[in-house]
Amino acid sequence: MTDHATLREWLDRYEAAWRANDPAQIRALFTDDAVYRWHPWETGPDAAHGAEAIATAWLAEPDDPDSWQMRSEPLAVDGDLGVARCEIVYPATAEAPRRAYRNLFLIRLTADGRCRDFTEHYMREPA
């Protein structure tokens, strides 16, 4: 059973792992058989399967931890399912314009607070 506090804690660890670009922190977020979908339609090989594969995919093109800002908010929980709203902003730089994403995360958590199923729904804000 998931609650708002458990979901909030997981989101905080998610952000910390993303900032650290540390494979051990990323793997610690997920079960060994977890599935991570960057888009809701992804199945089979389009999704990452297992904590190791998720960490490898995250780190294939890591973001500089100082290049983005994240705000997240738990919205709802039902059994093991948590729903969160996240906003990711990459401020404008000399090399790139500002980019912002509005996300909904569907996160199925286990009793030990790790994610076993993650689906991201995101939309990029118009320029």
Protein backbone atom coordinates (compact mmCIF):
# COMPACT_ATOMS: atom_id res chain seq x y z
CA MET A 1 0.00 0.00 0.00
CA THR A 2 1.40 3.37 -1.05
CA ASP A 3 0.67 6.69 0.65
CA HIS A 4 1.47 10.32 -0.19
CA ALA A 5 4.51 10.39 2.12
CA THR A 6 6.02 7.28 0.49
CA LEU A 7 5.39 8.70 -2.97
CA ARG A 8 6.93 12.06 -1.95
CA GLU A 9 10.00 10.27 -0.61
CA TRP A 10 10.38 8.29 -3.84
CA LEU A 11 10.08 11.48 -5.94
CA ASP A 12 12.77 13.15 -3.83
CA ARG A 13 15.06 10.14 -4.33
CA TYR A 14 14.28 10.17 -8.08
CA GLU A 15 15.39 13.79 -8.34
CA ALA A 16 18.52 13.14 -6.24
CA ALA A 17 19.47 10.14 -8.41
CA TRP A 18 18.95 12.14 -11.60
CA ARG A 19 21.12 14.98 -10.25
CA ALA A 20 23.84 12.62 -9.08
CA ASN A 21 24.01 10.61 -12.33
CA ASP A 22 24.95 7.75 -10.04
CA PRO A 23 24.00 4.26 -11.27
CA ALA A 24 23.73 2.89 -7.71
CA GLN A 25 21.24 5.60 -6.73
CA ILE A 26 19.22 5.00 -9.89
CA ARG A 27 19.17 1.22 -9.40
CA ALA A 28 18.09 1.69 -5.75
CA LEU A 29 14.87 3.35 -6.96
CA PHE A 30 13.70 0.27 -8.88
CA THR A 31 13.11 -3.43 -8.35
CA ASP A 32 15.24 -5.91 -10.27
CA ASP A 33 12.27 -6.65 -12.55
CA ALA A 34 10.97 -3.08 -12.88
CA VAL A 35 9.68 -1.71 -16.19
CA TYR A 36 10.29 1.94 -17.16
CA ARG A 37 8.33 3.47 -20.04
CA TRP A 38 9.23 6.93 -21.32
CA HIS A 39 5.98 6.94 -23.29
CA PRO A 40 2.71 5.23 -22.35
CA TRP A 41 2.59 3.15 -25.53
CA GLU A 42 5.98 1.53 -25.04
CA THR A 43 6.07 -2.22 -24.62
CA GLY A 44 8.66 -4.93 -25.05
CA PRO A 45 12.10 -3.67 -26.06
CA ASP A 46 10.99 -0.02 -26.23
CA ALA A 47 10.79 0.07 -22.43
CA ALA A 48 13.70 -0.53 -20.03
CA HIS A 49 13.40 -3.80 -18.11
CA GLY A 50 15.15 -4.16 -14.77
CA ALA A 51 17.02 -1.75 -12.50
CA GLU A 52 20.31 -2.25 -14.35
CA ALA A 53 18.77 -1.52 -17.77
CA ILE A 54 16.99 1.53 -16.37
CA ALA A 55 20.24 2.93 -14.95
CA THR A 56 22.05 2.26 -18.23
CA ALA A 57 19.32 4.04 -20.23
CA TRP A 58 19.30 7.03 -17.86
CA LEU A 59 23.06 7.42 -18.14
CA ALA A 60 23.26 6.97 -21.92
CA GLU A 61 22.78 10.74 -22.29
CA PRO A 62 23.06 12.23 -18.78
CA ASP A 63 21.91 15.77 -18.08
CA ASP A 64 24.27 18.15 -16.33
CA PRO A 65 22.72 18.40 -12.83
CA ASP A 66 22.93 22.20 -12.97
CA SER A 67 21.12 22.41 -16.33
CA TRP A 68 17.58 21.76 -15.10
CA GLN A 69 15.08 22.37 -12.32
CA MET A 70 12.39 19.98 -11.14
CA ARG A 71 9.22 20.47 -9.15
CA SER A 72 7.14 17.45 -8.28
CA GLU A 73 3.89 16.93 -6.46
CA PRO A 74 2.15 13.70 -5.44
CA LEU A 75 -1.44 13.90 -6.70
CA ALA A 76 -3.07 10.60 -5.81
CA VAL A 77 -2.48 7.12 -4.51
CA ASP A 78 -4.56 3.99 -4.94
CA GLY A 79 -3.17 0.74 -3.59
CA ASP A 80 0.38 0.47 -4.95
CA LEU A 81 -0.17 3.13 -7.64
CA GLY A 82 1.05 6.68 -7.13
CA VAL A 83 0.34 9.54 -9.53
CA ALA A 84 2.59 12.59 -9.52
CA ARG A 85 2.81 15.84 -11.46
CA CYS A 86 6.30 17.03 -12.35
CA GLU A 87 7.59 20.10 -14.09
CA ILE A 88 11.07 20.02 -15.57
CA VAL A 89 12.63 23.27 -16.80
CA TYR A 90 15.89 23.68 -18.68
CA PRO A 91 16.59 27.44 -18.49
CA ALA A 92 17.85 29.22 -21.60
CA THR A 93 21.59 29.23 -22.15
CA ALA A 94 23.87 30.77 -24.76
CA GLU A 95 23.67 27.44 -26.61
CA ALA A 96 19.99 26.57 -26.26
CA PRO A 97 16.57 28.17 -25.68
CA ARG A 98 14.49 27.46 -22.59
CA ARG A 99 12.68 24.11 -22.61
CA ALA A 100 9.97 23.07 -20.18
CA TYR A 101 8.08 19.81 -19.78
CA ARG A 102 4.86 19.03 -17.92
CA ASN A 103 4.81 15.41 -16.80
CA LEU A 104 2.50 12.94 -15.15
CA PHE A 105 4.22 9.93 -13.62
CA LEU A 106 2.41 6.67 -12.92
CA ILE A 107 4.50 4.87 -10.30
CA ARG A 108 3.78 1.44 -8.85
CA LEU A 109 5.68 1.06 -5.60
CA THR A 110 6.50 -2.06 -3.62
CA ALA A 111 6.26 -2.34 0.17
CA ASP A 112 9.97 -1.44 0.47
CA GLY A 113 9.46 1.86 -1.43
CA ARG A 114 11.00 0.81 -4.75
CA CYS A 115 9.27 1.21 -8.09
CA ARG A 116 8.25 -1.88 -10.02
CA ASP A 117 6.45 -0.10 -12.87
CA PHE A 118 6.96 3.48 -14.12
CA THR A 119 5.17 5.20 -16.98
CA GLU A 120 5.87 8.78 -17.97
CA HIS A 121 3.36 11.01 -19.75
CA TYR A 122 5.01 14.23 -20.78
CA MET A 123 4.36 17.24 -22.96
CA ARG A 124 6.80 19.92 -23.96
CA GLU A 125 5.60 23.48 -23.51
CA PRO A 126 5.41 25.45 -26.74
CA ALA A 127 8.32 27.83 -27.25
